[in-house]
Structures are given as structure tokens and as C-alpha cells.
């Protein structure tokens, strides 16, 4: 019987300490992050995929999403 009482006291102690530790804290006053900069979008001259202008590869006849598309477009234009 004394072990049961001791176990109940220890359980209550852990419950109280755990509830105190799990209590949510006050949110810190933070300044909101600035919105991301708006980027111009361009489309690949080969496949039409839209991508940010700073990621596009320039080439003869437009901008491209990859070097493979730039090469195939320029090869086709050279045959004509």
C-alpha cells in the first residue's frame, strides 16, 4: 500500500512538472520578413516553359530553359 501511495505522489509530481514545462510561451515580437522580390518571367523559345529571367539561358533567337533546348533550337535554325 505504501508503494502505491509513493507511486501516486511521484506520478502527480511528474504530471505537474511536465504540465509546467509544456505551457506555451508568449510569442516574441518579430518584424515580419519582407516579401520576396518580384521577378520577371520569360518563356523558353523551344518548349514554352516559363521560368524566372535570372535562370534563363540566352541564345540566338531567344532565351531557353536548358542548354539542350538552346542547342536543339539553334541547330534547327542553322538548317533552315
Protein backbone atom coordinates (compact mmCIF):
# COMPACT_ATOMS: atom_id res chain seq x y z
CA UNK A 1 0.00 0.00 0.00
CA UNK A 2 2.81 2.41 0.83
CA UNK A 3 4.38 1.77 -2.59
CA UNK A 4 1.10 2.61 -4.29
CA UNK A 5 0.88 5.93 -2.43
CA UNK A 6 4.53 6.69 -3.26
CA UNK A 7 3.88 5.84 -6.92
CA UNK A 8 0.83 8.14 -6.99
CA UNK A 9 2.80 11.01 -5.43
CA UNK A 10 5.64 10.56 -7.94
CA UNK A 11 3.15 10.40 -10.83
CA UNK A 12 1.44 13.59 -9.68
CA UNK A 13 4.83 15.31 -9.30
CA UNK A 14 5.88 14.35 -12.85
CA UNK A 15 2.49 15.43 -14.19
CA UNK A 16 2.73 18.88 -12.55
CA UNK A 17 6.32 19.42 -13.68
CA UNK A 18 5.54 18.22 -17.21
CA UNK A 19 2.49 20.50 -17.49
CA UNK A 20 4.53 23.47 -16.32
CA UNK A 21 7.25 22.77 -18.91
CA UNK A 22 4.75 22.20 -21.76
CA UNK A 23 2.97 25.54 -21.22
CA UNK A 24 3.18 27.66 -24.37
CA UNK A 25 5.37 30.72 -24.13
CA UNK A 26 4.43 34.22 -25.13
CA UNK A 27 5.23 34.81 -28.80
CA UNK A 28 8.21 37.06 -29.34
CA UNK A 29 7.62 40.35 -31.08
CA UNK A 30 9.16 39.83 -34.50
CA UNK A 31 9.13 42.00 -37.53
CA UNK A 32 7.61 40.17 -40.48
CA UNK A 33 10.02 39.08 -43.18
CA UNK A 34 9.99 41.27 -46.26
CA UNK A 35 8.12 39.77 -49.20
CA UNK A 36 10.28 38.16 -51.88
CA UNK A 37 11.20 40.35 -54.81
CA UNK A 38 9.04 40.06 -57.90
CA UNK A 39 10.97 38.51 -60.77
CA UNK A 40 10.25 38.83 -64.45
CA UNK A 41 9.18 35.57 -66.08
CA UNK A 42 10.21 34.53 -69.58
CA UNK A 43 9.29 31.52 -71.67
CA UNK A 44 11.70 29.10 -73.32
CA UNK A 45 11.83 29.59 -77.10
CA UNK A 46 11.99 25.80 -77.57
CA UNK A 47 9.34 24.35 -75.24
CA UNK A 48 7.46 27.38 -73.87
CA UNK A 49 8.17 26.62 -70.22
CA UNK A 50 8.01 29.74 -68.05
CA UNK A 51 10.97 30.43 -65.78
CA UNK A 52 12.48 33.39 -63.93
CA UNK A 53 14.55 35.66 -66.17
CA UNK A 54 17.62 35.29 -63.96
CA UNK A 55 17.61 31.49 -64.53
CA UNK A 56 17.12 31.64 -68.32
CA UNK A 57 19.97 30.94 -70.73
CA UNK A 58 20.33 33.50 -73.53
CA UNK A 59 20.86 32.26 -77.07
CA UNK A 60 20.27 33.08 -80.71
CA UNK A 61 16.55 33.51 -81.15
CA UNK A 62 15.50 33.95 -77.52
CA UNK A 63 16.02 32.58 -74.05
CA UNK A 64 15.99 28.92 -73.07
CA UNK A 65 15.34 26.77 -70.02
CA UNK A 66 18.35 24.49 -70.62
CA UNK A 67 21.46 24.25 -72.74
CA UNK A 68 19.98 21.21 -74.55
CA UNK A 69 16.98 23.26 -75.69
CA UNK A 70 19.24 26.11 -76.75
CA UNK A 71 21.41 23.71 -78.79
CA UNK A 72 18.45 21.99 -80.48
CA UNK A 73 16.78 25.32 -81.33
CA UNK A 74 19.98 26.79 -82.76
CA UNK A 75 20.71 23.58 -84.73
CA UNK A 76 17.21 23.72 -86.25
CA UNK A 77 17.64 27.41 -87.11
CA UNK A 78 21.04 26.70 -88.75
CA UNK A 79 19.49 24.08 -91.06
CA UNK A 80 16.93 26.50 -92.48
